[in-house]
Amino acid sequence: MDSRLRTTHQDFQATPPIIHAGNNQPTENCSGDGHGTCAYGVVFGDGAGDATARGVLPDGQGIFAGRAFVANRYTHTDELVDPTDQFRAVFQSNSWGGGLT
């Protein structure tokens, strides 16, 4: 869950992100309003654009949620990890917060 994800980024085309709860496409890849693109790429980028920028799970299936679309983060997480639902997520990364979080 993050601000925005550019789903058209070249590193996400082999395994397109699943969008859960919504997303606003950013105008930039990483700087400015595209922070979610960078955070997602660190985990799921396949290195198509730059092999040295490959993520830690390049063959994994990512699920993205724009945090502006999530009314309750606990309900959102419950939906993602429910073993009887469609997502069955294994972990969640929230790359936002302050220095103390």
C-alpha atoms as a PDB file:
ATOM      1  CA  MET A   1       0.000   0.000   0.000  1.00  0.00           C
ATOM      2  CA  ASP A   2       1.423   3.334  -1.012  1.00  0.00           C
ATOM      3  CA  SER A   3       0.592   6.603  -2.728  1.00  0.00           C
ATOM      4  CA  ARG A   4       0.436   5.768  -6.451  1.00  0.00           C
ATOM      5  CA  LEU A   5       1.695   3.074  -8.814  1.00  0.00           C
ATOM      6  CA  ARG A   6       2.554   3.511 -12.481  1.00  0.00           C
ATOM      7  CA  THR A   7       1.203   0.192 -13.747  1.00  0.00           C
ATOM      8  CA  THR A   8       2.642   0.873 -17.228  1.00  0.00           C
ATOM      9  CA  HIS A   9       6.250   0.843 -15.934  1.00  0.00           C
ATOM     10  CA  GLN A  10       8.359  -1.499 -18.082  1.00  0.00           C
ATOM     11  CA  ASP A  11       9.467  -3.564 -15.063  1.00  0.00           C
ATOM     12  CA  PHE A  12       5.869  -4.577 -14.266  1.00  0.00           C
ATOM     13  CA  GLN A  13       4.706  -5.798 -17.685  1.00  0.00           C
ATOM     14  CA  ALA A  14       5.653  -9.497 -17.457  1.00  0.00           C
ATOM     15  CA  THR A  15       3.588  -9.869 -14.266  1.00  0.00           C
ATOM     16  CA  PRO A  16       1.160  -6.941 -14.110  1.00  0.00           C
ATOM     17  CA  PRO A  17       0.182  -5.719 -10.643  1.00  0.00           C
ATOM     18  CA  ILE A  18      -3.196  -6.665  -9.236  1.00  0.00           C
ATOM     19  CA  ILE A  19      -4.926  -3.498  -8.036  1.00  0.00           C
ATOM     20  CA  HIS A  20      -6.874  -3.887  -4.800  1.00  0.00           C
ATOM     21  CA  ALA A  21      -8.928  -0.939  -3.532  1.00  0.00           C
ATOM     22  CA  GLY A  22      -7.856   1.534  -6.243  1.00  0.00           C
ATOM     23  CA  ASN A  23      -4.911   3.455  -7.647  1.00  0.00           C
ATOM     24  CA  ASN A  24      -4.234   6.912  -9.065  1.00  0.00           C
ATOM     25  CA  GLN A  25      -1.678   6.675 -11.867  1.00  0.00           C
ATOM     26  CA  PRO A  26       1.229   9.015 -11.060  1.00  0.00           C
ATOM     27  CA  THR A  27       2.626  11.495 -13.524  1.00  0.00           C
ATOM     28  CA  GLU A  28       6.188  10.380 -12.705  1.00  0.00           C
ATOM     29  CA  ASN A  29       7.821   7.006 -12.088  1.00  0.00           C
ATOM     30  CA  CYS A  30       9.598   7.624  -8.782  1.00  0.00           C
ATOM     31  CA  SER A  31      10.110  11.263  -7.945  1.00  0.00           C
ATOM     32  CA  GLY A  32       7.195  13.463  -7.023  1.00  0.00           C
ATOM     33  CA  ASP A  33       3.923  11.575  -6.839  1.00  0.00           C
ATOM     34  CA  GLY A  34       5.243   8.186  -7.982  1.00  0.00           C
ATOM     35  CA  HIS A  35       6.645   6.931  -4.661  1.00  0.00           C
ATOM     36  CA  GLY A  36       4.520   3.784  -4.851  1.00  0.00           C
ATOM     37  CA  THR A  37       6.181   2.892  -8.163  1.00  0.00           C
ATOM     38  CA  CYS A  38       9.630   2.914  -6.545  1.00  0.00           C
ATOM     39  CA  ALA A  39       8.554   1.001  -3.448  1.00  0.00           C
ATOM     40  CA  TYR A  40       6.725  -1.597  -5.567  1.00  0.00           C
ATOM     41  CA  GLY A  41       9.735  -1.887  -7.886  1.00  0.00           C
ATOM     42  CA  VAL A  42      12.109  -2.620  -4.987  1.00  0.00           C
ATOM     43  CA  VAL A  43      10.042  -5.723  -4.323  1.00  0.00           C
ATOM     44  CA  PHE A  44       8.516  -6.779  -7.678  1.00  0.00           C
ATOM     45  CA  GLY A  45      10.474  -5.021 -10.465  1.00  0.00           C
ATOM     46  CA  ASP A  46      11.786  -7.585 -12.963  1.00  0.00           C
ATOM     47  CA  GLY A  47      14.708  -5.485 -14.223  1.00  0.00           C
ATOM     48  CA  ALA A  48      13.400  -5.201 -17.783  1.00  0.00           C
ATOM     49  CA  GLY A  49      14.468  -1.546 -17.925  1.00  0.00           C
ATOM     50  CA  ASP A  50      17.722  -1.993 -16.003  1.00  0.00           C
ATOM     51  CA  ALA A  51      18.988  -5.384 -14.849  1.00  0.00           C
ATOM     52  CA  THR A  52      20.800  -3.793 -11.898  1.00  0.00           C
ATOM     53  CA  ALA A  53      17.471  -2.422 -10.621  1.00  0.00           C
ATOM     54  CA  ARG A  54      15.794  -5.809 -10.287  1.00  0.00           C
ATOM     55  CA  GLY A  55      13.557  -6.255  -7.223  1.00  0.00           C
ATOM     56  CA  VAL A  56      13.923  -8.920  -4.533  1.00  0.00           C
ATOM     57  CA  LEU A  57      10.902 -10.921  -5.820  1.00  0.00           C
ATOM     58  CA  PRO A  58      10.933 -10.244  -9.568  1.00  0.00           C
ATOM     59  CA  ASP A  59       8.805 -13.327 -10.330  1.00  0.00           C
ATOM     60  CA  GLY A  60       6.318 -12.652  -7.538  1.00  0.00           C
ATOM     61  CA  GLN A  61       2.762 -11.500  -8.092  1.00  0.00           C
ATOM     62  CA  GLY A  62       2.307  -8.086  -6.526  1.00  0.00           C
ATOM     63  CA  ILE A  63      -0.939  -6.648  -5.230  1.00  0.00           C
ATOM     64  CA  PHE A  64      -1.118  -2.866  -4.930  1.00  0.00           C
ATOM     65  CA  ALA A  65      -3.528  -0.598  -3.097  1.00  0.00           C
ATOM     66  CA  GLY A  66      -3.532   3.173  -3.208  1.00  0.00           C
ATOM     67  CA  ARG A  67      -3.761   4.190   0.417  1.00  0.00           C
ATOM     68  CA  ALA A  68      -6.193   7.004  -0.448  1.00  0.00           C
ATOM     69  CA  PHE A  69      -8.688   4.285  -1.432  1.00  0.00           C
ATOM     70  CA  VAL A  70      -8.382   2.215   1.749  1.00  0.00           C
ATOM     71  CA  ALA A  71     -10.947   3.268   4.343  1.00  0.00           C
ATOM     72  CA  ASN A  72      -9.772   0.835   7.017  1.00  0.00           C
ATOM     73  CA  ARG A  73      -6.283  -0.669   6.747  1.00  0.00           C
ATOM     74  CA  TYR A  74      -7.134  -3.591   9.050  1.00  0.00           C
ATOM     75  CA  THR A  75     -10.171  -4.631   6.978  1.00  0.00           C
ATOM     76  CA  HIS A  76      -8.034  -4.210   3.872  1.00  0.00           C
ATOM     77  CA  THR A  77      -5.324  -6.509   5.266  1.00  0.00           C
ATOM     78  CA  ASP A  78      -7.925  -9.072   6.382  1.00  0.00           C
ATOM     79  CA  GLU A  79      -9.204  -9.279   2.792  1.00  0.00           C
ATOM     80  CA  LEU A  80      -5.706  -9.724   1.393  1.00  0.00           C
ATOM     81  CA  VAL A  81      -4.597 -12.540   3.705  1.00  0.00           C
ATOM     82  CA  ASP A  82      -7.894 -14.483   3.821  1.00  0.00           C
ATOM     83  CA  PRO A  83      -6.931 -18.010   2.625  1.00  0.00           C
ATOM     84  CA  THR A  84     -10.431 -18.550   1.192  1.00  0.00           C
ATOM     85  CA  ASP A  85     -10.502 -15.300  -0.828  1.00  0.00           C
ATOM     86  CA  GLN A  86      -8.933 -14.566  -4.222  1.00  0.00           C
ATOM     87  CA  PHE A  87      -5.785 -12.738  -3.082  1.00  0.00           C
ATOM     88  CA  ARG A  88      -4.074 -14.942  -0.456  1.00  0.00           C
ATOM     89  CA  ALA A  89      -1.289 -12.398   0.088  1.00  0.00           C
ATOM     90  CA  VAL A  90       1.762 -13.486   2.072  1.00  0.00           C
ATOM     91  CA  PHE A  91       3.139 -10.145   3.277  1.00  0.00           C
ATOM     92  CA  GLN A  92       2.365  -6.448   3.156  1.00  0.00           C
ATOM     93  CA  SER A  93       4.716  -3.518   2.763  1.00  0.00           C
ATOM     94  CA  ASN A  94       3.661  -0.028   3.775  1.00  0.00           C
ATOM     95  CA  SER A  95       6.420   2.306   2.687  1.00  0.00           C
ATOM     96  CA  TRP A  96       5.068   5.443   4.310  1.00  0.00           C
ATOM     97  CA  GLY A  97       5.027   7.033   7.699  1.00  0.00           C
ATOM     98  CA  GLY A  98       7.247   9.190   9.832  1.00  0.00           C
ATOM     99  CA  GLY A  99      10.676   8.678  11.328  1.00  0.00           C
ATOM    100  CA  LEU A 100       9.186   6.975  14.371  1.00  0.00           C
ATOM    101  CA  THR A 101       7.151   4.466  12.369  1.00  0.00           C
END
